[in-house]
């Protein structure tokens, strides 16, 4: 009536305990029909490998993969990736976890298959998926079927039923930016969005629109463009916005890299910031403090996200229970700097 053991599996399959061990560790020299008997017994009993005991016995270091998304034709959102990796690496060092990083082109049609192959080849116990990979239900189901626990960084509401989604409340963060700019007296806005399919970035835009609606402003008060989180897209799209909608008084960017590009575009256009144009970013990266003027932005604790993801995955691998689906929300903060001010 208790938790099934390896001996229970051996008894049901009618094989020796060592045979079950060889099958579970995917070792050779086991006949196909015997392997099938063992796997059927495992499934019938609901047996889960005690990963902690297996690692101690085999002295195998627990492996967790961090999957970064990057379009190889453009510069990556470097701080987002490096901050997550730094937090994950520090947490892993304290827990005896080996962190393996992979950079996958999100525009590649075979990206999901490549992730599955990489994690299988590396014999990973868990994976941290950055957007947009954490929002791929089929990928999450496949990894779960392989026994690889996952944490989806900035995963959308749809993935909460499949895995643990971790991040800030992006809707509220977008709302906070809207309230801040409206409170300064702005009524005409530009918005540079992130990549198509990046759920958390889209949610920020939804929160911003909600703040406008609560203030009696319609979506017509916003002119937006689709960016890709890079400095270049912020530069180019801000130039386009200023040409098509010269009455824009405040510009919201979905990350700090694009906001830095927007600052350059505004300077080149002879705009005074924030007197002629207020600009906000998102993430509170180091660049947000060194550009001029420093950016008003949303701080999200990226290093803590990386560390927390490793802590949860390590605990799930040790227990053999996996990460329970759901959402873990970390606090964000509106950081007000010189790039925004009240309307003249």
Protein backbone atom coordinates (compact mmCIF):
# COMPACT_ATOMS: atom_id res chain seq x y z
CA UNK A 1 0.00 0.00 0.00
CA UNK A 2 3.06 2.26 0.33
CA UNK A 3 5.24 3.90 -2.30
CA UNK A 4 6.31 1.30 -4.91
CA UNK A 5 9.95 0.25 -4.83
CA UNK A 6 12.34 -1.16 -7.40
CA UNK A 7 11.79 -4.57 -5.81
CA UNK A 8 8.04 -4.27 -6.47
CA UNK A 9 8.80 -3.55 -10.13
CA UNK A 10 11.13 -6.54 -10.32
CA UNK A 11 8.53 -8.85 -8.76
CA UNK A 12 5.75 -7.72 -11.10
CA UNK A 13 7.97 -7.99 -14.19
CA UNK A 14 9.37 -11.34 -13.07
CA UNK A 15 13.00 -10.23 -13.37
CA UNK A 16 15.94 -9.56 -11.11
CA UNK A 17 16.38 -6.24 -9.33
CA UNK A 18 19.61 -5.59 -11.28
CA UNK A 19 17.70 -6.01 -14.54
CA UNK A 20 15.24 -3.30 -13.54
CA UNK A 21 18.17 -1.03 -12.70
CA UNK A 22 19.76 -1.64 -16.11
CA UNK A 23 16.48 -0.82 -17.87
CA UNK A 24 15.87 2.36 -15.88
CA UNK A 25 19.41 3.54 -16.59
CA UNK A 26 19.05 2.70 -20.32
CA UNK A 27 21.99 0.29 -20.22
CA UNK A 28 22.66 -2.26 -22.98
CA UNK A 29 22.45 -6.06 -22.85
CA UNK A 30 18.75 -6.24 -21.98
CA UNK A 31 16.48 -8.11 -24.38
CA UNK A 32 13.67 -6.10 -25.93
CA UNK A 33 10.87 -8.19 -24.47
CA UNK A 34 12.41 -8.01 -21.00
CA UNK A 35 12.81 -4.24 -21.26
CA UNK A 36 9.14 -3.97 -22.27
CA UNK A 37 8.02 -6.05 -19.26
CA UNK A 38 9.93 -3.77 -16.91
CA UNK A 39 8.53 -0.58 -18.46
CA UNK A 40 4.99 -1.96 -18.28
CA UNK A 41 5.50 -2.78 -14.59
CA UNK A 42 6.88 0.71 -13.95
CA UNK A 43 3.83 2.28 -15.59
CA UNK A 44 1.36 -0.02 -13.83
CA UNK A 45 2.82 0.61 -10.37
CA UNK A 46 3.41 4.31 -10.93
CA UNK A 47 7.03 3.84 -9.90
CA UNK A 48 9.25 6.95 -9.96
CA UNK A 49 13.02 6.82 -9.90
CA UNK A 50 14.54 8.26 -6.73
CA UNK A 51 16.87 10.64 -8.53
CA UNK A 52 18.63 11.73 -5.35
CA UNK A 53 19.50 8.15 -4.43
CA UNK A 54 20.53 7.38 -7.99
CA UNK A 55 22.83 10.39 -8.12
CA UNK A 56 24.42 9.50 -4.79
CA UNK A 57 24.90 5.89 -5.79
CA UNK A 58 26.26 6.70 -9.22
CA UNK A 59 27.96 9.91 -8.11
CA UNK A 60 26.33 11.65 -11.09
CA UNK A 61 25.97 15.38 -10.80
CA UNK A 62 22.43 16.67 -11.17
CA UNK A 63 22.09 18.43 -14.53
CA UNK A 64 19.78 21.36 -15.28
CA UNK A 65 19.66 23.05 -18.69
CA UNK A 66 19.00 26.74 -19.29
CA UNK A 67 17.55 27.29 -22.77
CA UNK A 68 18.08 30.77 -24.20
CA UNK A 69 16.20 32.00 -27.28
CA UNK A 70 18.15 34.09 -29.75
CA UNK A 71 17.72 35.01 -33.40
CA UNK A 72 21.25 34.56 -34.68
CA UNK A 73 20.81 37.35 -37.24
CA UNK A 74 20.30 40.02 -34.56
CA UNK A 75 21.95 40.89 -31.27
CA UNK A 76 20.37 39.09 -28.29
CA UNK A 77 18.69 40.66 -25.29
CA UNK A 78 21.98 40.07 -23.53
CA UNK A 79 21.21 41.17 -19.98
CA UNK A 80 17.98 39.18 -19.74
CA UNK A 81 19.93 36.03 -20.61
CA UNK A 82 23.05 36.78 -18.59
CA UNK A 83 21.14 37.78 -15.44
CA UNK A 84 19.11 34.57 -15.49
CA UNK A 85 22.26 32.56 -16.09
CA UNK A 86 24.19 34.29 -13.32
CA UNK A 87 21.44 33.62 -10.79
CA UNK A 88 21.07 30.02 -11.92
CA UNK A 89 24.83 29.39 -11.85
CA UNK A 90 25.23 30.75 -8.33
CA UNK A 91 22.32 28.70 -7.02
CA UNK A 92 23.55 25.60 -8.82
CA UNK A 93 27.03 25.92 -7.33
CA UNK A 94 25.59 25.85 -3.85
CA UNK A 95 23.42 22.84 -4.61
CA UNK A 96 25.96 20.78 -6.52
CA UNK A 97 24.04 21.22 -9.78
CA UNK A 98 25.71 21.33 -13.18
CA UNK A 99 24.12 24.08 -15.29
CA UNK A 100 24.18 23.46 -19.04
CA UNK A 101 23.26 26.32 -21.36
CA UNK A 102 21.94 26.09 -24.90
CA UNK A 103 21.16 28.93 -27.29
CA UNK A 104 18.40 28.02 -29.75
CA UNK A 105 17.15 30.10 -32.67
CA UNK A 106 13.47 30.62 -31.93
CA UNK A 107 12.78 31.18 -35.64
CA UNK A 108 14.03 27.72 -36.59
CA UNK A 109 11.16 25.36 -37.42
CA UNK A 110 13.03 22.54 -35.69
CA UNK A 111 13.77 24.49 -32.50
CA UNK A 112 11.56 22.37 -30.23
CA UNK A 113 12.99 19.12 -31.61
CA UNK A 114 16.50 20.46 -31.07
CA UNK A 115 15.70 21.26 -27.43
CA UNK A 116 14.36 17.74 -26.85
CA UNK A 117 17.45 16.21 -28.48
CA UNK A 118 19.88 18.40 -26.52
CA UNK A 119 18.24 17.70 -23.16
CA UNK A 120 18.08 13.97 -23.87
CA UNK A 121 21.72 13.84 -24.98
CA UNK A 122 22.81 15.78 -21.88
CA UNK A 123 20.71 13.49 -19.61
CA UNK A 124 19.18 16.53 -17.95
CA UNK A 125 17.04 16.26 -14.84
CA UNK A 126 15.35 19.60 -15.46
CA UNK A 127 15.17 22.57 -17.80
CA UNK A 128 14.63 26.32 -17.51
CA UNK A 129 12.86 27.57 -20.63
CA UNK A 130 12.95 31.24 -21.60
CA UNK A 131 10.34 32.82 -23.90
CA UNK A 132 8.99 31.79 -26.32
CA UNK A 133 9.91 28.14 -25.60
CA UNK A 134 8.16 28.14 -22.22
CA UNK A 135 4.88 28.93 -23.98
CA UNK A 136 5.00 25.86 -26.26
CA UNK A 137 2.50 23.32 -24.81
CA UNK A 138 3.65 20.47 -27.05
CA UNK A 139 7.27 20.94 -26.03
CA UNK A 140 6.29 20.99 -22.36
CA UNK A 141 4.28 17.77 -22.77
CA UNK A 142 7.14 16.07 -24.57
CA UNK A 143 9.65 16.96 -21.88
CA UNK A 144 7.27 15.87 -19.15
CA UNK A 145 6.87 12.53 -20.91
CA UNK A 146 10.65 12.14 -20.88
CA UNK A 147 10.72 12.79 -17.14
CA UNK A 148 12.40 16.19 -17.51
CA UNK A 149 10.93 18.76 -15.11
CA UNK A 150 10.57 22.29 -16.45
CA UNK A 151 10.20 25.88 -15.28
CA UNK A 152 8.84 28.37 -17.82
CA UNK A 153 10.31 31.83 -17.26
CA UNK A 154 7.65 34.47 -18.01
CA UNK A 155 5.29 31.72 -19.15
CA UNK A 156 1.72 32.65 -20.01
CA UNK A 157 -1.48 31.58 -18.30
CA UNK A 158 -1.99 28.63 -20.64
CA UNK A 159 1.15 26.82 -19.48
CA UNK A 160 0.27 26.90 -15.79
CA UNK A 161 -1.67 23.66 -16.24
CA UNK A 162 1.40 21.91 -17.66
CA UNK A 163 4.37 23.21 -15.69
CA UNK A 164 5.54 25.84 -13.25
CA UNK A 165 5.48 29.34 -14.76
CA UNK A 166 7.67 31.89 -13.04
CA UNK A 167 7.88 35.64 -13.42
CA UNK A 168 6.46 38.97 -12.37
CA UNK A 169 2.89 40.15 -12.83
CA UNK A 170 3.42 41.59 -16.32
CA UNK A 171 -0.13 42.88 -16.58
CA UNK A 172 0.24 44.88 -13.38
CA UNK A 173 3.67 46.12 -14.44
CA UNK A 174 2.26 47.44 -17.73
CA UNK A 175 -0.60 48.99 -15.78
CA UNK A 176 1.86 50.68 -13.41
CA UNK A 177 3.71 52.30 -16.32
CA UNK A 178 0.42 53.55 -17.74
CA UNK A 179 -0.69 55.02 -14.42
CA UNK A 180 2.69 56.73 -14.02
CA UNK A 181 2.58 58.39 -17.45
CA UNK A 182 -1.07 59.36 -17.19
CA UNK A 183 -0.37 60.85 -13.77
CA UNK A 184 2.27 63.05 -15.40
CA UNK A 185 -0.39 64.44 -17.71
CA UNK A 186 0.39 62.52 -20.92
CA UNK A 187 -2.51 61.63 -23.21
CA UNK A 188 -0.87 60.60 -26.50
CA UNK A 189 1.37 57.54 -26.51
CA UNK A 190 3.64 55.39 -28.61
CA UNK A 191 4.40 51.76 -27.75
CA UNK A 192 7.20 49.55 -29.11
CA UNK A 193 6.15 45.95 -28.51
CA UNK A 194 8.31 42.85 -28.26
CA UNK A 195 8.44 39.74 -30.43
CA UNK A 196 5.23 38.24 -31.75
CA UNK A 197 4.26 35.32 -29.50
CA UNK A 198 6.19 36.63 -26.48
CA UNK A 199 3.27 36.23 -24.07
CA UNK A 200 4.66 38.22 -21.14
CA UNK A 201 5.48 41.22 -23.34
CA UNK A 202 2.00 41.15 -24.87
CA UNK A 203 0.54 41.06 -21.36
CA UNK A 204 2.46 44.23 -20.49
CA UNK A 205 0.72 45.97 -23.39
CA UNK A 206 -2.66 44.70 -22.18
CA UNK A 207 -1.97 46.13 -18.72
CA UNK A 208 -0.98 49.46 -20.23
CA UNK A 209 -4.23 49.61 -22.21
CA UNK A 210 -6.19 48.82 -19.04
CA UNK A 211 -4.60 51.81 -17.30
CA UNK A 212 -5.62 54.02 -20.21
CA UNK A 213 -9.18 52.68 -20.14
CA UNK A 214 -9.46 53.36 -16.41
CA UNK A 215 -8.39 56.94 -17.13
CA UNK A 216 -11.03 57.34 -19.84
CA UNK A 217 -8.59 57.02 -22.74
CA UNK A 218 -9.22 54.65 -25.65
CA UNK A 219 -6.78 52.41 -27.51
CA UNK A 220 -6.76 55.11 -30.21
CA UNK A 221 -4.51 57.12 -27.89
CA UNK A 222 -1.70 54.64 -28.64
CA UNK A 223 0.28 54.16 -31.86
CA UNK A 224 2.36 50.99 -31.68
CA UNK A 225 5.01 49.10 -33.63
CA UNK A 226 6.28 45.52 -33.40
CA UNK A 227 9.90 45.27 -32.25
CA UNK A 228 12.23 42.37 -31.45
CA UNK A 229 13.81 43.49 -28.15
CA UNK A 230 16.97 44.83 -29.82
CA UNK A 231 18.56 48.29 -29.71
CA UNK A 232 18.28 48.52 -33.50
CA UNK A 233 14.54 47.88 -33.52
CA UNK A 234 14.04 50.55 -30.87
CA UNK A 235 16.00 53.04 -32.96
CA UNK A 236 14.29 52.26 -36.26
CA UNK A 237 10.75 51.98 -34.93
CA UNK A 238 10.97 55.18 -32.89
CA UNK A 239 12.05 57.03 -36.01
CA UNK A 240 9.00 55.58 -37.77
CA UNK A 241 6.67 56.50 -34.91
CA UNK A 242 7.92 60.07 -34.68
CA UNK A 243 7.46 60.48 -38.44
CA UNK A 244 3.94 59.00 -38.52
CA UNK A 245 2.64 60.35 -35.18
CA UNK A 246 4.59 63.51 -34.26
CA UNK A 247 2.12 64.33 -31.47
CA UNK A 248 3.28 61.41 -29.31
CA UNK A 249 4.21 62.72 -25.87
CA UNK A 250 5.26 59.48 -24.16
CA UNK A 251 6.85 56.35 -25.60
CA UNK A 252 6.71 52.97 -23.84
CA UNK A 253 9.18 50.23 -24.85
CA UNK A 254 8.84 46.56 -23.97
CA UNK A 255 12.45 46.35 -22.78
CA UNK A 256 15.40 48.59 -21.94
CA UNK A 257 17.44 47.74 -25.05
CA UNK A 258 14.69 49.07 -27.30
CA UNK A 259 14.22 52.07 -25.01
CA UNK A 260 17.94 52.90 -25.38
CA UNK A 261 17.48 52.82 -29.16
CA UNK A 262 14.43 55.05 -28.76
CA UNK A 263 16.51 57.56 -26.81
CA UNK A 264 19.02 57.77 -29.64
CA UNK A 265 16.25 58.24 -32.21
CA UNK A 266 14.71 61.01 -30.11
CA UNK A 267 18.08 62.76 -29.72
CA UNK A 268 18.69 62.57 -33.46
CA UNK A 269 15.25 64.08 -34.07
CA UNK A 270 16.09 67.01 -31.79
CA UNK A 271 13.61 65.97 -29.11
CA UNK A 272 14.23 67.07 -25.54
CA UNK A 273 13.74 64.22 -23.08
CA UNK A 274 11.55 64.28 -21.09
CA UNK A 275 10.23 67.77 -21.98
CA UNK A 276 9.23 66.88 -25.56
CA UNK A 277 9.06 63.09 -25.22
CA UNK A 278 8.96 60.84 -22.15
CA UNK A 279 10.44 57.36 -22.64
CA UNK A 280 10.16 54.23 -20.48
CA UNK A 281 11.81 50.81 -20.67
CA UNK A 282 11.35 47.47 -18.96
CA UNK A 283 13.68 45.12 -16.99
CA UNK A 284 15.91 47.67 -15.16
CA UNK A 285 19.06 46.45 -16.89
CA UNK A 286 22.45 48.17 -16.34
CA UNK A 287 22.01 50.13 -19.58
CA UNK A 288 18.93 51.85 -18.13
CA UNK A 289 21.17 53.74 -15.69
CA UNK A 290 24.04 54.70 -18.01
CA UNK A 291 22.12 56.19 -20.94
CA UNK A 292 21.12 59.84 -20.87
CA UNK A 293 18.76 60.59 -19.44
CA UNK A 294 18.54 57.46 -17.26
CA UNK A 295 15.44 55.42 -18.01
CA UNK A 296 12.27 55.08 -16.02
CA UNK A 297 11.67 51.33 -16.14
CA UNK A 298 10.23 48.27 -14.41
CA UNK A 299 12.62 46.27 -12.26
CA UNK A 300 12.13 42.53 -12.44
CA UNK A 301 14.44 40.31 -10.33
CA UNK A 302 16.00 38.26 -13.14
CA UNK A 303 18.89 36.84 -11.13
CA UNK A 304 16.45 35.74 -8.43
CA UNK A 305 14.29 34.08 -11.09
CA UNK A 306 17.24 32.05 -12.34
CA UNK A 307 18.26 31.05 -8.83
CA UNK A 308 14.73 30.15 -7.78
CA UNK A 309 14.18 28.06 -10.90
CA UNK A 310 17.31 26.00 -10.13
CA UNK A 311 16.28 25.58 -6.49
CA UNK A 312 12.84 24.27 -7.46
CA UNK A 313 14.13 21.96 -10.19
CA UNK A 314 16.83 20.54 -7.93
CA UNK A 315 14.27 19.86 -5.22
CA UNK A 316 11.89 18.23 -7.69
CA UNK A 317 14.63 16.01 -9.12
CA UNK A 318 15.73 14.95 -5.65
CA UNK A 319 12.20 14.06 -4.61
CA UNK A 320 11.31 12.39 -7.90
CA UNK A 321 7.95 14.18 -7.86
CA UNK A 322 8.58 16.86 -10.49
CA UNK A 323 7.53 20.51 -10.32
CA UNK A 324 3.84 20.96 -9.64
CA UNK A 325 2.07 23.03 -12.33
CA UNK A 326 1.13 26.54 -11.31
CA UNK A 327 2.65 30.00 -11.09
CA UNK A 328 5.18 31.63 -8.81
CA UNK A 329 5.04 35.43 -8.94
CA UNK A 330 8.02 37.55 -7.93
CA UNK A 331 7.66 41.21 -7.02
CA UNK A 332 8.38 43.97 -9.53
CA UNK A 333 9.01 47.67 -8.93
CA UNK A 334 8.47 50.84 -10.95
CA UNK A 335 11.81 52.68 -11.00
CA UNK A 336 11.31 56.36 -11.83
CA UNK A 337 14.29 58.21 -13.35
CA UNK A 338 14.89 61.29 -15.46
CA UNK A 339 13.44 60.02 -18.74
CA UNK A 340 9.90 60.84 -17.60
CA UNK A 341 8.45 64.03 -16.18
CA UNK A 342 5.21 65.99 -16.01
CA UNK A 343 4.01 67.64 -19.19
CA UNK A 344 4.98 71.32 -19.52
